[in-house]
Amino acid sequence: MISTLRKDGGRRGLQLVVGALAAVPFASGLSGVLVGPRALPGVDEPVDASVDNAYRYAHAIYLATAPVLWSTVPRIERETTVLRTVAGAIFLGGLARLLSWRSAGRPHPVLIGGAALELLAIPGLVAWQHRVAALAGQD
C-alpha cells in the first residue's frame, strides 16, 4: 500500500500512480485510433462511418492525455493546473459515460470499470496531488 502519511504527502507514490494510470488512456486511445469501434468488447459488426469517425477522433484526444499526464510526473507537486485540467476532462468523460448508460443502456463491464476510474479514482488523485503540493508549499 502506498502511504500518503509521509512528510511529502506520498509524492513518490503519487508519481508512480500517475505514471501508471496514464497508460490506461494511452492504451485505450491507441487501440481506438488504430482499430476503431471494433476495439470495444462485443463490437463485431462494422459501424456507421460517422460513428467510426467520431470514435477515432475522440480516442486521439484520449491518447493525447497520456503524454500530458506523464509530463507532470517529474514535478508533480508543481503541476497542479495541468493535472487538474486533464483530470477534469477525464472526469467529464466519466459523466458522459453515465449519460450514455442512462440513454442507451448498460455498457460492457470493461466500460463500467473505465467510468469507475474516471469518476472515483480521478477525484482521489486530484486530492492527493493537492496534499503533495500543499506540503511542498506549491498550492
Protein backbone atom coordinates (compact mmCIF):
# COMPACT_ATOMS: atom_id res chain seq x y z
CA MET A 1 0.00 0.00 0.00
CA ILE A 2 1.26 3.47 -0.86
CA SER A 3 1.34 5.75 2.15
CA THR A 4 0.37 9.41 1.98
CA LEU A 5 1.36 9.93 5.61
CA ARG A 6 4.95 10.84 4.78
CA LYS A 7 6.20 14.39 5.23
CA ASP A 8 5.89 14.91 1.49
CA GLY A 9 2.33 13.53 1.32
CA GLY A 10 3.45 10.46 -0.61
CA ARG A 11 4.98 12.36 -3.53
CA ARG A 12 6.86 9.37 -4.95
CA GLY A 13 3.78 7.17 -4.68
CA LEU A 14 1.72 9.79 -6.49
CA GLN A 15 4.31 9.94 -9.25
CA LEU A 16 4.15 6.17 -9.66
CA VAL A 17 0.35 6.10 -9.68
CA VAL A 18 0.02 8.97 -12.20
CA GLY A 19 2.65 7.36 -14.41
CA ALA A 20 0.90 4.00 -14.32
CA LEU A 21 -2.64 5.37 -14.70
CA ALA A 22 -1.60 7.39 -17.76
CA ALA A 23 -1.02 4.06 -19.50
CA VAL A 24 -4.80 3.47 -19.48
CA PRO A 25 -5.77 6.36 -21.79
CA PHE A 26 -2.64 5.69 -23.83
CA ALA A 27 -3.55 2.06 -24.50
CA SER A 28 -7.25 2.77 -24.95
CA GLY A 29 -6.60 5.78 -27.16
CA LEU A 30 -4.08 3.97 -29.34
CA SER A 31 -6.38 1.00 -29.73
CA GLY A 32 -9.33 3.24 -30.54
CA VAL A 33 -7.38 5.19 -33.15
CA LEU A 34 -5.89 2.15 -34.87
CA VAL A 35 -8.77 -0.33 -34.63
CA GLY A 36 -11.79 1.93 -34.26
CA PRO A 37 -15.01 0.89 -32.51
CA ARG A 38 -14.21 -2.78 -33.10
CA ALA A 39 -11.72 -2.36 -30.24
CA LEU A 40 -14.73 -2.29 -27.91
CA PRO A 41 -15.69 -5.56 -26.27
CA GLY A 42 -18.69 -7.09 -28.01
CA VAL A 43 -18.48 -4.98 -31.19
CA ASP A 44 -18.01 -7.39 -34.08
CA GLU A 45 -20.01 -5.74 -36.84
CA PRO A 46 -18.96 -2.67 -38.81
CA VAL A 47 -20.43 0.60 -37.56
CA ASP A 48 -21.69 3.63 -39.45
CA ALA A 49 -18.87 5.70 -40.99
CA SER A 50 -19.80 8.73 -38.85
CA VAL A 51 -19.65 6.67 -35.65
CA ASP A 52 -16.26 5.27 -36.68
CA ASN A 53 -15.00 8.76 -37.50
CA ALA A 54 -16.17 10.30 -34.21
CA TYR A 55 -14.87 7.33 -32.20
CA ARG A 56 -11.36 7.54 -33.67
CA TYR A 57 -11.27 11.32 -33.21
CA ALA A 58 -12.28 11.06 -29.55
CA HIS A 59 -9.70 8.36 -28.96
CA ALA A 60 -6.96 10.50 -30.50
CA ILE A 61 -7.74 13.09 -27.84
CA TYR A 62 -7.76 10.39 -25.17
CA LEU A 63 -4.40 9.17 -26.46
CA ALA A 64 -3.01 12.70 -26.19
CA THR A 65 -3.80 12.91 -22.46
CA ALA A 66 -1.21 10.26 -21.59
CA PRO A 67 1.92 12.25 -22.54
CA VAL A 68 0.45 15.31 -20.84
CA LEU A 69 -0.01 13.30 -17.64
CA TRP A 70 3.46 11.78 -17.96
CA SER A 71 4.90 15.29 -18.31
CA THR A 72 3.57 16.15 -14.84
CA VAL A 73 5.34 13.26 -13.10
CA PRO A 74 8.82 14.78 -12.53
CA ARG A 75 7.41 17.92 -10.89
CA ILE A 76 4.10 16.53 -9.68
CA GLU A 77 3.90 18.99 -6.78
CA ARG A 78 4.13 21.96 -9.18
CA GLU A 79 1.91 20.73 -12.00
CA THR A 80 -1.40 21.46 -10.31
CA THR A 81 -3.05 23.31 -13.20
CA VAL A 82 -2.07 20.78 -15.85
CA LEU A 83 -3.01 17.80 -13.71
CA ARG A 84 -6.35 19.27 -12.69
CA THR A 85 -7.21 20.28 -16.25
CA VAL A 86 -6.57 16.79 -17.61
CA ALA A 87 -8.26 15.21 -14.59
CA GLY A 88 -11.29 17.44 -15.11
CA ALA A 89 -11.56 16.40 -18.75
CA ILE A 90 -11.31 12.73 -17.77
CA PHE A 91 -13.93 13.22 -15.05
CA LEU A 92 -16.28 14.86 -17.59
CA GLY A 93 -15.74 11.82 -19.79
CA GLY A 94 -16.95 9.67 -16.91
CA LEU A 95 -20.06 11.82 -16.59
CA ALA A 96 -20.63 11.40 -20.33
CA ARG A 97 -20.44 7.63 -19.82
CA LEU A 98 -23.19 7.90 -17.20
CA LEU A 99 -25.32 9.89 -19.63
CA SER A 100 -24.77 7.20 -22.26
CA TRP A 101 -25.66 4.46 -19.77
CA ARG A 102 -28.90 6.26 -18.96
CA SER A 103 -29.88 6.90 -22.58
CA ALA A 104 -28.53 3.81 -24.37
CA GLY A 105 -28.38 1.14 -21.66
CA ARG A 106 -25.80 -0.65 -19.56
CA PRO A 107 -22.38 -0.85 -21.23
CA HIS A 108 -19.90 -3.72 -21.14
CA PRO A 109 -18.30 -4.28 -17.68
CA VAL A 110 -14.92 -3.09 -19.01
CA LEU A 111 -16.50 0.27 -19.80
CA ILE A 112 -18.17 0.39 -16.39
CA GLY A 113 -14.68 -0.08 -14.93
CA GLY A 114 -13.47 2.85 -17.00
CA ALA A 115 -16.27 5.01 -15.65
CA ALA A 116 -15.40 3.98 -12.10
CA LEU A 117 -11.79 5.04 -12.63
CA GLU A 118 -12.87 8.33 -14.13
CA LEU A 119 -15.45 9.18 -11.51
CA LEU A 120 -13.86 7.78 -8.34
CA ALA A 121 -10.11 7.46 -8.80
CA ILE A 122 -9.60 10.80 -10.56
CA PRO A 123 -11.03 12.95 -7.72
CA GLY A 124 -8.90 10.95 -5.29
CA LEU A 125 -5.85 11.59 -7.43
CA VAL A 126 -6.58 15.33 -7.51
CA ALA A 127 -6.97 15.40 -3.73
CA TRP A 128 -3.70 13.51 -3.31
CA GLN A 129 -1.87 15.90 -5.64
CA HIS A 130 -3.35 18.84 -3.71
CA ARG A 131 -1.91 17.41 -0.48
CA VAL A 132 1.51 16.84 -2.03
CA ALA A 133 1.51 20.37 -3.49
CA ALA A 134 0.40 21.93 -0.20
CA LEU A 135 3.10 20.13 1.77
CA ALA A 136 5.66 21.28 -0.81
CA GLY A 137 4.42 24.87 -0.42
CA GLN A 138 3.22 24.95 -4.04
CA ASP A 139 -0.56 25.13 -3.61
